[in-house]
Structures are given as structure tokens and as C-alpha cells.
């Protein structure tokens, strides 16, 4: 059975095309040796796809994500992208016990673990956005209202259909581990743009 999904952020390049998105934040505020266009296009993807407008899920949480560092390293013949982001815990993120909700941590991981894949895709001139296929998350300790969460993500693989990254959330001040995860993403098949006035359609096999 084939189901057709619509993505208003798609072009011929993919389900979400970083090159076609409006500017979000300023890449000059992101440290690290990654090229400026990789930094900016990753920020643009966060703004348009990860955060969205005010009516989108967890918008207020997404707006709190700040990318602070983005670096590219060579490991043999392979390029690896590492990204560091920070999020200050707020009351909107807490559960009834006064700690950051596990679902909120999942949302942060889903966004932040995608950053190195988007950036690596820009460097390799392929689409590194995709859609989340699986997340394997370990919760190590709670985060309170006073916690500034530091989120470190590193690319692992980036293929034609499947891509993976790993992610760690820790307390910036103490270094205490809060959560760690492995993220798997995939490229929906057949991303096309139907016309300049209609939304792009993406066929994905379920």
C-alpha cells in the first residue's frame, strides 16, 4: 500500500530542502571550523522544520535551542561533523515532578542529533535532512529547572537512504549525563515538486 505525503518544505532536492528555507538565526554566532553555509543552512533547517511557526508542536522549546559549535573532522577518508547546542531548562519543559519531561528530551534529541547530518549533507551536496526512523534513548539522570543542557551530536553514517548519528545531553556545569541516544533517519522516496503553486509531494512506502 502506497501513501502520499505532502511536505511544504520540499523541492526536487528532497523532503526538506535546506537551500530553499528562510534564514533563521545567524551563523556568525556559531563557533567551529565548519563552513559558514553549512552552519547557516543547518540553522535554517532548525527554524523551518524543527521549530516551525507558533502553532507547531513544542515551538517554545524549539526556540530555546542554540547551536554554539560546529566542527568538521577527517577520519581517514571520511568526514565527521560534530555539533554542540545548548538549551536552558524552562518551566514549559518540566513534568509534574519538576524535572525536564522525557518527551521533551526526545524532542531535543530528534532535532539536535539531526544537525550533523544536515551539515554533512551540505558539505557532500546531498540531502541530509530526511525523516526520523528510530531513536534508541537511555535516560541517565533528571534535569531540573536550573539546568543548562549541553547537547553534543556527531554524525555516524550518511548514505543514499539511511543516516545515523549519536547524541549526548549533559549538565553543562557539572558534566553529569542526562540522556544519550542513537538516531536513525531515512530519505522518503520520490521527492518532487509538482508546480510553483502547489505543495511538493513525497511518496513513501508504508
N, C-alpha and C. Protein backbone atom coordinates (compact mmCIF):
# COMPACT_ATOMS: atom_id res chain seq x y z
N UNK A 1 0.84 -1.18 0.00
CA UNK A 1 0.00 0.00 0.00
C UNK A 1 0.88 1.24 0.00
N UNK A 2 0.58 2.18 -0.90
CA UNK A 2 1.37 3.40 -1.01
C UNK A 2 0.55 4.58 -0.52
N UNK A 3 1.16 5.39 0.35
CA UNK A 3 0.51 6.59 0.85
C UNK A 3 1.33 7.80 0.45
N UNK A 4 0.68 8.85 -0.06
CA UNK A 4 1.37 10.05 -0.49
C UNK A 4 1.29 11.11 0.60
N UNK A 5 2.45 11.63 0.99
CA UNK A 5 2.51 12.69 1.99
C UNK A 5 2.89 14.00 1.31
N UNK A 6 2.46 15.12 1.88
CA UNK A 6 2.83 16.42 1.37
C UNK A 6 3.81 17.08 2.33
N UNK A 7 4.84 17.68 1.79
CA UNK A 7 5.77 18.49 2.58
C UNK A 7 5.89 19.85 1.93
N UNK A 8 5.46 20.88 2.62
CA UNK A 8 5.53 22.22 2.05
C UNK A 8 6.96 22.75 2.01
N UNK A 9 7.91 22.02 2.59
CA UNK A 9 9.31 22.44 2.60
C UNK A 9 10.14 21.71 1.56
N UNK A 10 9.50 20.88 0.74
CA UNK A 10 10.24 20.05 -0.22
C UNK A 10 10.48 20.77 -1.54
N UNK A 11 11.56 20.37 -2.20
CA UNK A 11 11.81 20.72 -3.60
C UNK A 11 12.30 19.44 -4.27
N UNK A 12 12.81 19.57 -5.49
CA UNK A 12 13.34 18.40 -6.17
C UNK A 12 14.51 17.78 -5.41
N UNK A 13 15.14 18.56 -4.51
CA UNK A 13 16.31 18.09 -3.79
C UNK A 13 15.97 17.17 -2.63
N UNK A 14 14.74 17.21 -2.13
CA UNK A 14 14.42 16.33 -1.03
C UNK A 14 13.16 16.73 -0.28
N UNK A 15 12.82 15.88 0.71
CA UNK A 15 11.63 16.07 1.55
C UNK A 15 11.64 17.45 2.21
N UNK A 16 12.79 17.85 2.72
CA UNK A 16 13.03 19.20 3.22
C UNK A 16 14.34 19.67 2.61
N UNK A 17 14.32 20.82 1.94
CA UNK A 17 15.50 21.31 1.23
C UNK A 17 16.11 22.48 1.99
N UNK A 18 17.25 22.28 2.66
CA UNK A 18 17.86 23.38 3.42
C UNK A 18 18.15 24.61 2.59
N UNK A 19 18.45 24.42 1.29
CA UNK A 19 18.81 25.54 0.43
C UNK A 19 17.61 26.45 0.12
N UNK A 20 16.41 25.98 0.34
CA UNK A 20 15.22 26.74 -0.02
C UNK A 20 14.53 27.38 1.18
N UNK A 21 15.12 27.26 2.37
CA UNK A 21 14.46 27.70 3.59
C UNK A 21 14.86 29.12 3.98
N UNK A 22 13.98 29.85 4.66
CA UNK A 22 14.31 31.21 5.09
C UNK A 22 15.39 31.21 6.17
N UNK A 23 16.10 32.33 6.26
CA UNK A 23 17.19 32.43 7.23
C UNK A 23 16.64 32.40 8.65
N UNK A 24 17.35 31.66 9.52
CA UNK A 24 16.99 31.54 10.93
C UNK A 24 18.25 31.71 11.76
N UNK A 25 18.26 32.68 12.65
CA UNK A 25 19.42 33.00 13.46
C UNK A 25 20.62 33.38 12.58
N UNK A 26 21.81 33.46 13.20
CA UNK A 26 22.98 33.98 12.50
C UNK A 26 24.16 33.03 12.66
N UNK A 27 24.65 32.51 11.55
CA UNK A 27 25.74 31.54 11.58
C UNK A 27 27.03 32.12 12.15
N UNK A 28 27.18 33.44 12.12
CA UNK A 28 28.40 34.05 12.64
C UNK A 28 28.53 33.88 14.15
N UNK A 29 27.42 33.52 14.82
CA UNK A 29 27.44 33.30 16.26
C UNK A 29 27.80 31.85 16.62
N UNK A 30 27.99 31.01 15.60
CA UNK A 30 28.33 29.60 15.82
C UNK A 30 29.84 29.43 15.63
N UNK A 31 30.53 29.00 16.68
CA UNK A 31 31.98 28.78 16.61
C UNK A 31 32.27 27.46 15.89
N UNK A 32 33.55 27.23 15.57
CA UNK A 32 33.94 25.98 14.95
C UNK A 32 34.43 26.15 13.53
N UNK A 33 35.06 25.11 12.97
CA UNK A 33 35.69 25.21 11.66
C UNK A 33 34.80 24.84 10.50
N UNK A 34 33.54 24.51 10.75
CA UNK A 34 32.62 24.18 9.66
C UNK A 34 32.39 25.41 8.78
N UNK A 35 32.19 25.22 7.48
CA UNK A 35 31.92 26.35 6.59
C UNK A 35 30.67 27.12 7.01
N UNK A 36 30.66 28.41 6.72
CA UNK A 36 29.55 29.27 7.13
C UNK A 36 28.23 28.81 6.52
N UNK A 37 28.26 28.31 5.26
CA UNK A 37 27.00 27.90 4.64
C UNK A 37 26.43 26.66 5.30
N UNK A 38 27.30 25.75 5.76
CA UNK A 38 26.82 24.56 6.47
C UNK A 38 26.17 24.97 7.79
N UNK A 39 26.76 25.92 8.47
CA UNK A 39 26.19 26.41 9.73
C UNK A 39 24.84 27.07 9.48
N UNK A 40 24.78 27.97 8.49
CA UNK A 40 23.54 28.71 8.26
C UNK A 40 22.42 27.81 7.77
N UNK A 41 22.72 26.90 6.85
CA UNK A 41 21.67 26.03 6.32
C UNK A 41 21.15 25.07 7.40
N UNK A 42 22.02 24.68 8.33
CA UNK A 42 21.57 23.86 9.46
C UNK A 42 20.64 24.67 10.36
N UNK A 43 21.01 25.91 10.63
CA UNK A 43 20.13 26.79 11.41
C UNK A 43 18.80 27.00 10.70
N UNK A 44 18.84 27.20 9.39
CA UNK A 44 17.60 27.40 8.63
C UNK A 44 16.68 26.19 8.72
N UNK A 45 17.29 24.99 8.68
CA UNK A 45 16.51 23.76 8.79
C UNK A 45 15.88 23.63 10.16
N UNK A 46 16.65 24.00 11.20
CA UNK A 46 16.08 24.01 12.55
C UNK A 46 14.88 24.93 12.63
N UNK A 47 15.01 26.14 12.08
CA UNK A 47 13.92 27.11 12.18
C UNK A 47 12.66 26.70 11.45
N UNK A 48 12.83 26.22 10.21
CA UNK A 48 11.66 25.93 9.38
C UNK A 48 11.06 24.56 9.65
N UNK A 49 11.90 23.56 9.93
CA UNK A 49 11.44 22.18 10.06
C UNK A 49 11.35 21.75 11.52
N UNK A 50 12.38 22.07 12.31
CA UNK A 50 12.40 21.64 13.70
C UNK A 50 11.53 22.47 14.61
N UNK A 51 11.50 23.79 14.39
CA UNK A 51 10.73 24.70 15.25
C UNK A 51 9.38 25.04 14.64
N UNK A 52 9.38 25.50 13.38
CA UNK A 52 8.14 25.86 12.72
C UNK A 52 7.54 27.15 13.28
N UNK A 53 6.27 27.37 12.96
CA UNK A 53 5.63 28.59 13.44
C UNK A 53 5.03 28.38 14.83
N UNK A 54 4.38 29.41 15.37
CA UNK A 54 3.91 29.36 16.76
C UNK A 54 2.89 28.27 17.01
N UNK A 55 2.19 27.82 15.99
CA UNK A 55 1.19 26.78 16.18
C UNK A 55 1.74 25.37 16.14
N UNK A 56 3.05 25.24 15.87
CA UNK A 56 3.65 23.91 15.75
C UNK A 56 3.97 23.31 17.12
N UNK A 57 4.04 22.00 17.16
CA UNK A 57 4.33 21.26 18.39
C UNK A 57 5.64 21.72 19.02
N UNK A 58 5.62 21.99 20.32
CA UNK A 58 6.80 22.31 21.13
C UNK A 58 7.57 23.51 20.59
N UNK A 59 6.86 24.45 19.96
CA UNK A 59 7.51 25.62 19.37
C UNK A 59 8.37 26.37 20.39
N UNK A 60 7.83 26.56 21.58
CA UNK A 60 8.55 27.33 22.59
C UNK A 60 9.82 26.63 23.04
N UNK A 61 9.81 25.30 23.02
CA UNK A 61 11.01 24.53 23.36
C UNK A 61 12.03 24.63 22.23
N UNK A 62 11.59 24.47 21.01
CA UNK A 62 12.49 24.57 19.87
C UNK A 62 13.18 25.91 19.77
N UNK A 63 12.47 26.98 20.13
CA UNK A 63 13.05 28.32 20.06
C UNK A 63 14.19 28.50 21.05
N UNK A 64 14.26 27.64 22.05
CA UNK A 64 15.30 27.77 23.06
C UNK A 64 16.62 27.11 22.65
N UNK A 65 16.63 26.36 21.56
CA UNK A 65 17.84 25.66 21.12
C UNK A 65 18.82 26.66 20.51
N UNK A 66 20.06 26.63 21.00
CA UNK A 66 21.11 27.49 20.47
C UNK A 66 22.31 26.63 20.06
N UNK A 67 22.65 26.65 18.79
CA UNK A 67 23.84 25.95 18.32
C UNK A 67 25.05 26.83 18.63
N UNK A 68 26.01 26.27 19.36
CA UNK A 68 27.18 27.06 19.77
C UNK A 68 28.45 26.69 19.00
N UNK A 69 28.60 25.42 18.61
CA UNK A 69 29.80 24.97 17.91
C UNK A 69 29.43 23.99 16.80
N UNK A 70 30.18 24.06 15.70
CA UNK A 70 30.05 23.07 14.62
C UNK A 70 31.43 22.86 14.01
N UNK A 71 31.91 21.62 14.09
CA UNK A 71 33.25 21.29 13.59
C UNK A 71 33.20 20.12 12.62
N UNK A 72 34.11 20.15 11.66
CA UNK A 72 34.29 19.07 10.70
C UNK A 72 35.66 18.46 10.92
N UNK A 73 35.71 17.14 11.07
CA UNK A 73 36.98 16.43 11.24
C UNK A 73 37.09 15.33 10.21
N UNK A 74 38.33 15.06 9.77
CA UNK A 74 38.58 13.96 8.86
C UNK A 74 39.01 12.74 9.65
N UNK A 75 38.38 11.63 9.38
CA UNK A 75 38.77 10.35 9.99
C UNK A 75 39.04 9.38 8.84
N UNK A 76 40.30 9.33 8.43
CA UNK A 76 40.64 8.57 7.23
C UNK A 76 40.08 9.29 6.02
N UNK A 77 39.31 8.58 5.21
CA UNK A 77 38.70 9.21 4.05
C UNK A 77 37.27 9.65 4.33
N UNK A 78 36.91 9.69 5.59
CA UNK A 78 35.54 10.02 5.98
C UNK A 78 35.50 11.34 6.74
N UNK A 79 34.53 12.18 6.40
CA UNK A 79 34.30 13.43 7.12
C UNK A 79 33.28 13.19 8.23
N UNK A 80 33.53 13.76 9.39
CA UNK A 80 32.62 13.64 10.54
C UNK A 80 32.29 15.04 11.03
N UNK A 81 31.01 15.29 11.27
CA UNK A 81 30.57 16.59 11.77
C UNK A 81 30.12 16.45 13.22
N UNK A 82 30.62 17.33 14.07
CA UNK A 82 30.22 17.37 15.48
C UNK A 82 29.58 18.73 15.77
N UNK A 83 28.44 18.70 16.43
CA UNK A 83 27.70 19.93 16.73
C UNK A 83 27.38 19.97 18.21
N UNK A 84 27.57 21.14 18.82
CA UNK A 84 27.20 21.35 20.21
C UNK A 84 26.09 22.40 20.27
N UNK A 85 25.03 22.07 20.99
CA UNK A 85 23.93 23.02 21.20
C UNK A 85 23.68 23.14 22.70
N UNK A 86 23.02 24.21 23.08
CA UNK A 86 22.68 24.42 24.49
C UNK A 86 21.20 24.79 24.61
N UNK A 87 20.59 24.30 25.69
CA UNK A 87 19.20 24.61 25.98
C UNK A 87 19.08 24.84 27.49
N UNK A 88 18.57 25.99 27.87
CA UNK A 88 18.31 26.26 29.28
C UNK A 88 16.92 25.73 29.64
N UNK A 89 16.85 24.86 30.64
CA UNK A 89 15.56 24.30 31.05
C UNK A 89 14.63 25.41 31.52
N UNK A 90 13.36 25.35 31.09
CA UNK A 90 12.34 26.30 31.50
C UNK A 90 11.13 25.54 32.04
N UNK A 91 10.21 26.25 32.63
CA UNK A 91 9.03 25.61 33.21
C UNK A 91 8.19 24.90 32.16
N UNK A 92 8.22 25.38 30.93
CA UNK A 92 7.45 24.75 29.85
C UNK A 92 7.97 23.36 29.52
N UNK A 93 9.16 23.01 29.98
CA UNK A 93 9.76 21.71 29.68
C UNK A 93 9.56 20.70 30.80
N UNK A 94 9.04 21.11 31.94
CA UNK A 94 9.02 20.26 33.12
C UNK A 94 7.79 19.36 33.21
N UNK A 95 7.95 18.22 33.88
CA UNK A 95 6.82 17.36 34.22
C UNK A 95 6.30 17.75 35.61
N UNK A 96 5.36 17.00 36.12
CA UNK A 96 4.78 17.32 37.41
C UNK A 96 5.74 17.20 38.57
N UNK A 97 6.81 16.46 38.39
CA UNK A 97 7.80 16.28 39.45
C UNK A 97 8.85 17.39 39.46
N UNK A 98 8.77 18.29 38.47
CA UNK A 98 9.70 19.40 38.43
C UNK A 98 10.99 19.14 37.70
N UNK A 99 11.03 18.08 36.88
CA UNK A 99 12.21 17.79 36.07
C UNK A 99 11.82 17.81 34.59
N UNK A 100 12.81 17.96 33.72
CA UNK A 100 12.54 18.03 32.29
C UNK A 100 11.89 16.72 31.83
N UNK A 101 10.75 16.83 31.18
CA UNK A 101 9.97 15.68 30.74
C UNK A 101 10.76 14.84 29.74
N UNK A 102 10.61 13.52 29.84
CA UNK A 102 11.29 12.62 28.91
C UNK A 102 10.91 12.88 27.47
N UNK A 103 9.65 13.25 27.24
CA UNK A 103 9.21 13.57 25.88
C UNK A 103 9.90 14.81 25.35
N UNK A 104 10.16 15.76 26.23
CA UNK A 104 10.89 16.97 25.84
C UNK A 104 12.32 16.62 25.45
N UNK A 105 12.96 15.73 26.21
CA UNK A 105 14.31 15.29 25.87
C UNK A 105 14.33 14.58 24.52
N UNK A 106 13.31 13.79 24.24
CA UNK A 106 13.21 13.12 22.93
C UNK A 106 13.12 14.14 21.81
N UNK A 107 12.32 15.17 22.02
CA UNK A 107 12.17 16.25 21.02
C UNK A 107 13.51 16.94 20.78
N UNK A 108 14.23 17.23 21.85
CA UNK A 108 15.53 17.89 21.71
C UNK A 108 16.53 17.00 20.98
N UNK A 109 16.54 15.72 21.31
CA UNK A 109 17.44 14.79 20.63
C UNK A 109 17.10 14.67 19.15
N UNK A 110 15.82 14.57 18.84
CA UNK A 110 15.38 14.44 17.45
C UNK A 110 15.89 15.61 16.62
N UNK A 111 15.83 16.81 17.18
CA UNK A 111 16.32 18.00 16.47
C UNK A 111 17.84 18.05 16.46
N UNK A 112 18.44 17.98 17.64
CA UNK A 112 19.89 18.23 17.75
C UNK A 112 20.74 17.14 17.11
N UNK A 113 20.30 15.88 17.19
CA UNK A 113 21.06 14.80 16.57
C UNK A 113 20.98 14.88 15.05
N UNK A 114 20.04 15.66 14.53
CA UNK A 114 19.92 15.84 13.08
C UNK A 114 20.90 16.87 12.55
N UNK A 115 21.39 17.78 13.41
CA UNK A 115 22.25 18.86 12.95
C UNK A 115 23.49 18.38 12.19
N UNK A 116 24.25 17.42 12.73
CA UNK A 116 25.45 17.00 11.99
C UNK A 116 25.13 16.33 10.66
N UNK A 117 23.97 15.70 10.54
CA UNK A 117 23.57 15.06 9.29
C UNK A 117 23.20 16.11 8.24
N UNK A 118 22.48 17.14 8.66
CA UNK A 118 22.15 18.23 7.74
C UNK A 118 23.42 18.89 7.24
N UNK A 119 24.35 19.21 8.17
CA UNK A 119 25.59 19.88 7.80
C UNK A 119 26.44 19.01 6.89
N UNK A 120 26.55 17.71 7.21
CA UNK A 120 27.34 16.80 6.38
C UNK A 120 26.73 16.68 4.98
N UNK A 121 25.41 16.69 4.92
CA UNK A 121 24.76 16.68 3.61
C UNK A 121 25.10 17.91 2.79
N UNK A 122 25.14 19.07 3.43
CA UNK A 122 25.52 20.30 2.74
C UNK A 122 26.95 20.17 2.20
N UNK A 123 27.86 19.65 3.00
CA UNK A 123 29.25 19.50 2.59
C UNK A 123 29.40 18.53 1.43
N UNK A 124 28.56 17.50 1.41
CA UNK A 124 28.66 16.47 0.36
C UNK A 124 27.69 16.72 -0.79
N UNK A 125 26.93 17.81 -0.70
CA UNK A 125 25.97 18.18 -1.75
C UNK A 125 24.90 17.11 -1.95
N UNK A 126 24.47 16.51 -0.84
CA UNK A 126 23.33 15.60 -0.86
C UNK A 126 22.38 16.03 0.26
N UNK A 127 21.17 15.50 0.26
CA UNK A 127 20.20 15.89 1.28
C UNK A 127 20.41 15.07 2.55
N UNK A 128 20.72 15.74 3.64
CA UNK A 128 20.94 15.06 4.91
C UNK A 128 19.85 15.31 5.93
N UNK A 129 18.66 15.70 5.47
CA UNK A 129 17.56 16.01 6.40
C UNK A 129 16.76 14.75 6.71
N UNK A 130 16.02 14.24 5.74
CA UNK A 130 15.27 13.00 5.92
C UNK A 130 14.21 13.09 7.00
N UNK A 131 13.71 11.92 7.38
CA UNK A 131 12.71 11.81 8.46
C UNK A 131 13.21 10.77 9.46
N UNK A 132 12.83 10.95 10.72
CA UNK A 132 13.30 10.04 11.77
C UNK A 132 12.67 8.67 11.61
N UNK A 133 13.51 7.66 11.66
CA UNK A 133 13.07 6.27 11.54
C UNK A 133 13.08 5.58 12.90
N UNK A 134 14.09 5.88 13.72
CA UNK A 134 14.20 5.24 15.03
C UNK A 134 15.08 6.07 15.95
N UNK A 135 14.77 6.02 17.25
CA UNK A 135 15.63 6.62 18.27
C UNK A 135 15.77 5.63 19.41
N UNK A 136 17.01 5.35 19.78
CA UNK A 136 17.28 4.49 20.92
C UNK A 136 17.85 5.40 22.01
N UNK A 137 17.07 5.63 23.09
CA UNK A 137 17.44 6.63 24.09
C UNK A 137 17.61 5.98 25.46
N UNK A 138 18.67 6.38 26.14
CA UNK A 138 18.89 6.00 27.53
C UNK A 138 18.79 7.26 28.39
N UNK A 139 17.94 7.21 29.42
CA UNK A 139 17.81 8.31 30.35
C UNK A 139 18.68 8.01 31.57
N UNK A 140 19.66 8.86 31.84
CA UNK A 140 20.64 8.59 32.90
C UNK A 140 20.31 9.29 34.20
N UNK A 141 19.87 10.54 34.14
CA UNK A 141 19.57 11.30 35.36
C UNK A 141 18.65 12.46 35.00
N UNK A 142 17.91 13.00 35.98
CA UNK A 142 16.97 14.08 35.69
C UNK A 142 17.65 15.43 35.50
N UNK A 143 16.96 16.34 34.82
CA UNK A 143 17.41 17.72 34.67
C UNK A 143 16.39 18.63 35.33
N UNK A 144 16.85 19.52 36.18
CA UNK A 144 15.96 20.42 36.91
C UNK A 144 15.84 21.76 36.20
N UNK A 145 15.05 22.64 36.77
CA UNK A 145 14.80 23.95 36.18
C UNK A 145 16.08 24.77 36.03
N UNK A 146 17.04 24.56 36.91
CA UNK A 146 18.28 25.34 36.89
C UNK A 146 19.30 24.82 35.86
N UNK A 147 19.00 23.73 35.20
CA UNK A 147 19.98 23.07 34.35
C UNK A 147 20.12 23.74 32.98
N UNK A 148 21.37 24.03 32.60
CA UNK A 148 21.66 24.37 31.21
C UNK A 148 22.13 23.08 30.55
N UNK A 149 21.33 22.56 29.64
CA UNK A 149 21.64 21.29 28.99
C UNK A 149 22.57 21.52 27.79
N UNK A 150 23.69 20.82 27.79
CA UNK A 150 24.60 20.85 26.65
C UNK A 150 24.39 19.59 25.83
N UNK A 151 24.14 19.75 24.55
CA UNK A 151 23.77 18.64 23.69
C UNK A 151 24.82 18.47 22.60
N UNK A 152 25.56 17.36 22.67
CA UNK A 152 26.63 17.08 21.73
C UNK A 152 26.17 15.98 20.77
N UNK A 153 26.26 16.25 19.47
CA UNK A 153 25.83 15.30 18.45
C UNK A 153 26.92 15.11 17.41
N UNK A 154 27.08 13.89 16.94
CA UNK A 154 28.13 13.54 15.98
C UNK A 154 27.54 12.65 14.89
N UNK A 155 27.87 12.94 13.65
CA UNK A 155 27.42 12.09 12.54
C UNK A 155 28.12 10.74 12.61
N UNK A 156 27.39 9.70 12.23
CA UNK A 156 27.96 8.35 12.18
C UNK A 156 27.99 7.84 10.75
N UNK A 157 26.84 7.84 10.08
CA UNK A 157 26.77 7.43 8.67
C UNK A 157 25.82 8.35 7.91
N UNK A 158 26.08 8.51 6.63
CA UNK A 158 25.18 9.26 5.75
C UNK A 158 25.20 8.61 4.39
N UNK A 159 24.16 7.80 4.12
CA UNK A 159 24.06 7.09 2.85
C UNK A 159 22.96 7.66 1.98
N UNK A 160 22.68 6.96 0.90
CA UNK A 160 21.65 7.43 -0.02
C UNK A 160 20.26 7.39 0.57
N UNK A 161 19.97 6.42 1.44
CA UNK A 161 18.66 6.33 2.06
C UNK A 161 18.70 6.41 3.58
N UNK A 162 19.73 5.84 4.20
CA UNK A 162 19.79 5.73 5.66
C UNK A 162 20.93 6.58 6.21
N UNK A 163 20.69 7.23 7.35
CA UNK A 163 21.72 8.04 8.00
C UNK A 163 21.57 7.89 9.51
N UNK A 164 22.68 7.99 10.23
CA UNK A 164 22.65 7.82 11.68
C UNK A 164 23.57 8.83 12.35
N UNK A 165 23.25 9.12 13.61
CA UNK A 165 24.09 9.99 14.43
C UNK A 165 23.94 9.57 15.88
N UNK A 166 24.87 10.02 16.71
CA UNK A 166 24.76 9.77 18.14
C UNK A 166 24.70 11.11 18.88
N UNK A 167 24.11 11.07 20.07
CA UNK A 167 23.82 12.31 20.78
C UNK A 167 23.94 12.09 22.29
N UNK A 168 24.48 13.09 22.98
CA UNK A 168 24.55 13.05 24.44
C UNK A 168 24.07 14.39 25.00
N UNK A 169 23.21 14.32 26.01
CA UNK A 169 22.77 15.51 26.73
C UNK A 169 23.37 15.46 28.13
N UNK A 170 24.04 16.53 28.52
CA UNK A 170 24.66 16.59 29.84
C UNK A 170 24.39 17.94 30.49
N UNK A 171 24.60 17.99 31.80
CA UNK A 171 24.54 19.25 32.53
C UNK A 171 25.81 20.03 32.20
N UNK A 172 25.66 21.19 31.61
CA UNK A 172 26.84 21.95 31.18
C UNK A 172 27.77 22.27 32.34
N UNK A 173 27.21 22.56 33.49
CA UNK A 173 28.02 22.98 34.62
C UNK A 173 28.77 21.82 35.27
N UNK A 174 28.07 20.71 35.49
CA UNK A 174 28.68 19.60 36.23
C UNK A 174 29.22 18.50 35.33
N UNK A 175 28.76 18.43 34.09
CA UNK A 175 29.13 17.35 33.19
C UNK A 175 28.31 16.08 33.40
N UNK A 176 27.37 16.10 34.33
CA UNK A 176 26.53 14.93 34.61
C UNK A 176 25.71 14.55 33.39
N UNK A 177 25.74 13.25 33.04
CA UNK A 177 25.00 12.78 31.88
C UNK A 177 23.51 12.73 32.18
N UNK A 178 22.71 13.27 31.28
CA UNK A 178 21.25 13.29 31.42
C UNK A 178 20.61 12.25 30.51
N UNK A 179 21.03 12.21 29.26
CA UNK A 179 20.48 11.23 28.31
C UNK A 179 21.49 11.01 27.19
N UNK A 180 21.43 9.84 26.58
CA UNK A 180 22.25 9.55 25.41
C UNK A 180 21.39 8.79 24.41
N UNK A 181 21.75 8.91 23.13
CA UNK A 181 20.86 8.33 22.12
C UNK A 181 21.60 8.04 20.82
N UNK A 182 21.02 7.12 20.05
CA UNK A 182 21.41 6.87 18.67
C UNK A 182 20.18 7.16 17.82
N UNK A 183 20.35 8.02 16.83
CA UNK A 183 19.24 8.42 15.96
C UNK A 183 19.43 7.82 14.58
N UNK A 184 18.37 7.21 14.04
CA UNK A 184 18.36 6.71 12.68
C UNK A 184 17.35 7.47 11.85
N UNK A 185 17.75 7.91 10.68
CA UNK A 185 16.85 8.65 9.78
C UNK A 185 16.88 8.02 8.39
N UNK A 186 15.89 8.34 7.59
CA UNK A 186 15.83 7.82 6.23
C UNK A 186 15.31 8.91 5.29
N UNK A 187 15.59 8.71 4.00
CA UNK A 187 15.09 9.61 2.98
C UNK A 187 13.76 9.07 2.43
N UNK A 188 12.68 9.85 2.53
CA UNK A 188 11.45 9.43 1.84
C UNK A 188 11.72 9.33 0.34
N UNK A 189 11.09 8.38 -0.32
CA UNK A 189 11.35 8.14 -1.74
C UNK A 189 10.55 9.09 -2.61
N UNK A 190 11.15 9.50 -3.73
CA UNK A 190 10.43 10.19 -4.78
C UNK A 190 10.02 11.61 -4.48
N UNK A 191 10.87 12.41 -3.81
CA UNK A 191 10.53 13.81 -3.54
C UNK A 191 10.50 14.58 -4.86
N UNK A 192 9.36 15.22 -5.14
CA UNK A 192 9.22 16.01 -6.36
C UNK A 192 8.43 17.26 -6.06
N UNK A 193 8.62 18.26 -6.90
CA UNK A 193 7.84 19.48 -6.81
C UNK A 193 6.86 19.49 -7.96
N UNK A 194 5.55 19.53 -7.66
CA UNK A 194 4.55 19.39 -8.71
C UNK A 194 4.41 20.64 -9.55
N UNK A 195 4.39 21.81 -8.91
CA UNK A 195 4.28 23.06 -9.63
C UNK A 195 4.66 24.19 -8.70
N UNK A 196 4.92 25.40 -9.24
CA UNK A 196 5.30 26.51 -8.37
C UNK A 196 4.22 26.92 -7.39
N UNK A 197 2.96 26.51 -7.63
CA UNK A 197 1.88 26.99 -6.77
C UNK A 197 1.26 25.89 -5.92
N UNK A 198 1.75 24.67 -6.06
CA UNK A 198 1.22 23.58 -5.24
C UNK A 198 2.31 22.98 -4.40
N UNK A 199 1.94 22.39 -3.28
CA UNK A 199 2.95 21.82 -2.39
C UNK A 199 3.58 20.60 -3.03
N UNK A 200 4.84 20.36 -2.69
CA UNK A 200 5.54 19.19 -3.20
C UNK A 200 4.93 17.94 -2.61
N UNK A 201 5.03 16.84 -3.36
CA UNK A 201 4.50 15.55 -2.89
C UNK A 201 5.67 14.60 -2.73
N UNK A 202 5.59 13.81 -1.69
CA UNK A 202 6.62 12.80 -1.46
C UNK A 202 5.94 11.47 -1.25
N UNK A 203 6.30 10.48 -2.08
CA UNK A 203 5.74 9.14 -1.94
C UNK A 203 6.62 8.33 -1.00
N UNK A 204 6.00 7.76 0.03
CA UNK A 204 6.74 6.91 0.96
C UNK A 204 5.99 5.60 1.12
N UNK A 205 6.68 4.49 1.00
CA UNK A 205 6.07 3.17 1.16
C UNK A 205 5.92 2.87 2.65
N UNK A 206 4.72 2.51 3.08
CA UNK A 206 4.49 2.14 4.47
C UNK A 206 4.40 0.63 4.57
